[in-house]
C-alpha cells in the first residue's frame, strides 16, 4: 500500500520535472502551448490512475452511509431546544397580551413531547393577578385574551384555558 502511494507520487513528480525541463528547453512559440497541454493531460492521467484501479464493487457503501450510528437523534438537545423555544413563545405571548392591555398574566404552554415538532397541546393563562389597562367599559376579558392567544400562536381556541 505504502509502496504504491510512493511510486504514484514519484511518477507525478517525475512527469512534472520532465515537463519543466521540456518547458525550459523549448523555444517560445505555438509548439510550446501544445506540448504544455500534452504534459498537463499526462499529469492528470497519472493522478487519476489509482482511482481508476479501485474496484467499486467490493466497497460496501451501505456500511459507511446507513449504519445505525450515522443518524442519531439527541433527545436531550431536542428537549432543551423545545424548552427554550417554549420560554421564548411564552414571553412573546405575555408581551402581546400586555401590549393589548392585559398585564400580569402568567402564561404556561404545554407541548406534545411525543414527537420532534413544536406542537402546542394547551395554553394556560393564569389571570389571578390580572390588571386590565383597556379604557373600554364593558369587555369580555376571556374572549379578548383568547382571541389574542389564538392570533399569536395560530392554535385552536379550545386549547386556551384560564386559571383564576
Protein backbone atom coordinates (compact mmCIF):
# COMPACT_ATOMS: atom_id res chain seq x y z
CA UNK A 1 0.00 0.00 0.00
CA UNK A 2 2.72 2.46 1.02
CA UNK A 3 4.96 1.47 -1.87
CA UNK A 4 2.06 2.02 -4.29
CA UNK A 5 1.45 5.52 -2.94
CA UNK A 6 5.17 6.28 -3.04
CA UNK A 7 5.50 5.14 -6.65
CA UNK A 8 2.39 7.14 -7.60
CA UNK A 9 3.82 10.33 -6.03
CA UNK A 10 7.22 9.71 -7.63
CA UNK A 11 5.63 9.28 -11.07
CA UNK A 12 3.75 12.58 -10.67
CA UNK A 13 6.94 14.37 -9.57
CA UNK A 14 8.90 12.79 -12.42
CA UNK A 15 6.43 13.90 -15.08
CA UNK A 16 6.32 17.41 -13.61
CA UNK A 17 10.13 17.64 -13.63
CA UNK A 18 10.27 16.41 -17.23
CA UNK A 19 7.61 18.96 -18.12
CA UNK A 20 9.62 21.78 -16.53
CA UNK A 21 12.79 20.67 -18.35
CA UNK A 22 10.97 20.50 -21.69
CA UNK A 23 9.49 23.93 -20.99
CA UNK A 24 12.97 25.36 -20.40
CA UNK A 25 14.47 23.71 -23.49
CA UNK A 26 11.67 24.53 -25.95
CA UNK A 27 11.75 27.91 -27.65
CA UNK A 28 8.80 30.32 -27.42
CA UNK A 29 6.09 29.73 -29.99
CA UNK A 30 3.00 27.80 -30.96
CA UNK A 31 4.58 24.41 -30.36
CA UNK A 32 5.24 25.18 -26.68
CA UNK A 33 1.49 25.62 -25.97
CA UNK A 34 0.70 22.21 -27.44
CA UNK A 35 3.47 20.45 -25.57
CA UNK A 36 2.35 22.05 -22.29
CA UNK A 37 -1.19 20.84 -22.96
CA UNK A 38 0.07 17.29 -23.61
CA UNK A 39 2.10 17.25 -20.39
CA UNK A 40 -0.92 18.59 -18.46
CA UNK A 41 -3.05 15.72 -19.77
CA UNK A 42 -0.31 13.21 -18.86
CA UNK A 43 -0.13 14.61 -15.28
CA UNK A 44 -3.91 14.37 -14.92
CA UNK A 45 -3.93 10.78 -16.20
CA UNK A 46 -1.17 9.81 -13.77
CA UNK A 47 -3.05 11.48 -10.90
CA UNK A 48 -6.35 9.66 -11.56
CA UNK A 49 -4.82 6.25 -12.36
CA UNK A 50 -5.15 4.94 -8.75
CA UNK A 51 -8.82 5.97 -8.70
CA UNK A 52 -9.48 4.06 -11.92
CA UNK A 53 -7.88 0.93 -10.42
CA UNK A 54 -10.29 0.81 -7.45
CA UNK A 55 -12.85 -1.99 -7.62
CA UNK A 56 -16.03 -0.21 -6.50
CA UNK A 57 -17.98 -3.48 -6.43
CA UNK A 58 -16.03 -4.59 -3.35
CA UNK A 59 -16.86 -1.43 -1.37
CA UNK A 60 -19.95 -1.65 0.82
CA UNK A 61 -21.30 1.90 0.76
CA UNK A 62 -24.23 0.97 3.00
CA UNK A 63 -21.77 0.22 5.78
CA UNK A 64 -20.47 3.79 5.67
CA UNK A 65 -23.66 5.68 4.88
CA UNK A 66 -26.52 3.87 6.55
CA UNK A 67 -25.17 2.29 9.69
CA UNK A 68 -27.14 2.55 12.91
CA UNK A 69 -24.96 5.25 14.44
CA UNK A 70 -24.79 7.52 11.40
CA UNK A 71 -28.01 9.35 12.21
CA UNK A 72 -28.90 9.61 15.84
CA UNK A 73 -31.37 11.99 17.40
CA UNK A 74 -30.12 13.61 20.52
CA UNK A 75 -33.27 13.69 22.62
CA UNK A 76 -31.69 15.95 25.24
CA UNK A 77 -30.90 18.53 22.58
CA UNK A 78 -34.45 18.36 21.23
CA UNK A 79 -35.91 18.74 24.72
CA UNK A 80 -33.65 21.70 25.53
CA UNK A 81 -34.47 23.31 22.22
CA UNK A 82 -38.22 22.86 22.79
CA UNK A 83 -37.91 24.24 26.34
CA UNK A 84 -36.05 27.35 25.16
CA UNK A 85 -38.46 27.82 22.27
CA UNK A 86 -41.39 27.42 24.68
CA UNK A 87 -39.93 30.05 27.02
CA UNK A 88 -39.49 32.46 24.12
CA UNK A 89 -43.03 31.88 22.86
CA UNK A 90 -44.40 32.37 26.38
CA UNK A 91 -42.54 35.67 26.68
CA UNK A 92 -43.78 36.84 23.28
CA UNK A 93 -47.33 35.93 24.28
CA UNK A 94 -47.01 37.81 27.60
CA UNK A 95 -45.76 40.89 25.75
CA UNK A 96 -48.57 40.62 23.21
CA UNK A 97 -51.17 40.42 25.98
CA UNK A 98 -49.54 43.34 27.80
CA UNK A 99 -49.48 45.49 24.66
CA UNK A 100 -53.21 44.80 24.25
CA UNK A 101 -53.98 45.94 27.79
CA UNK A 102 -53.75 42.74 29.85
CA UNK A 103 -50.87 42.93 32.37
CA UNK A 104 -49.63 40.45 34.99
CA UNK A 105 -50.78 37.36 33.08
CA UNK A 106 -48.77 34.22 33.71
CA UNK A 107 -48.54 32.05 30.59
CA UNK A 108 -47.77 28.34 30.59
CA UNK A 109 -47.54 26.40 27.34
CA UNK A 110 -47.81 22.61 27.33
CA UNK A 111 -46.18 20.76 24.45
CA UNK A 112 -46.66 17.39 22.85
CA UNK A 113 -43.43 15.62 23.85
CA UNK A 114 -44.06 12.50 21.75
CA UNK A 115 -42.59 13.94 18.54
CA UNK A 116 -39.80 16.28 17.50
CA UNK A 117 -42.15 19.04 16.32
CA UNK A 118 -43.12 22.02 18.41
CA UNK A 119 -46.79 21.15 18.85
CA UNK A 120 -48.84 23.02 21.44
CA UNK A 121 -51.35 20.92 23.39
CA UNK A 122 -52.62 23.58 25.73
CA UNK A 123 -52.03 27.19 26.78
CA UNK A 124 -52.90 28.05 30.37
CA UNK A 125 -53.38 31.71 31.25
CA UNK A 126 -53.18 32.37 34.98
CA UNK A 127 -55.19 35.56 35.47
CA UNK A 128 -55.18 35.65 39.28
CA UNK A 129 -53.14 38.89 39.27
CA UNK A 130 -54.63 40.27 36.05
CA UNK A 131 -54.61 44.04 35.55
CA UNK A 132 -56.71 45.35 32.67
CA UNK A 133 -55.39 48.57 31.14
CA UNK A 134 -58.06 48.97 28.48
CA UNK A 135 -60.34 52.03 28.57
CA UNK A 136 -63.34 50.06 27.28
CA UNK A 137 -66.19 49.94 29.76
CA UNK A 138 -67.58 46.51 29.07
CA UNK A 139 -65.29 43.87 27.61
CA UNK A 140 -65.29 40.11 27.78
CA UNK A 141 -61.74 39.61 29.06
CA UNK A 142 -61.84 35.88 28.35
CA UNK A 143 -62.88 36.34 24.74
CA UNK A 144 -60.39 39.18 24.13
CA UNK A 145 -57.48 37.29 25.65
CA UNK A 146 -58.40 34.08 23.84
CA UNK A 147 -58.51 36.00 20.54
CA UNK A 148 -55.03 37.41 21.18
CA UNK A 149 -53.60 33.97 22.03
CA UNK A 150 -55.20 32.29 19.01
CA UNK A 151 -53.92 35.03 16.70
CA UNK A 152 -50.42 34.99 18.21
CA UNK A 153 -49.90 31.21 18.28
CA UNK A 154 -52.19 30.15 15.44
CA UNK A 155 -53.84 27.42 17.51
CA UNK A 156 -57.39 26.25 18.08
CA UNK A 157 -59.26 28.31 20.68
CA UNK A 158 -60.20 25.13 22.57
CA UNK A 159 -56.55 24.79 23.58
CA UNK A 160 -56.66 28.05 25.56
CA UNK A 161 -57.53 27.54 29.25
CA UNK A 162 -57.90 30.13 32.02
CA UNK A 163 -56.80 29.64 35.58
CA UNK A 164 -58.00 32.07 38.24
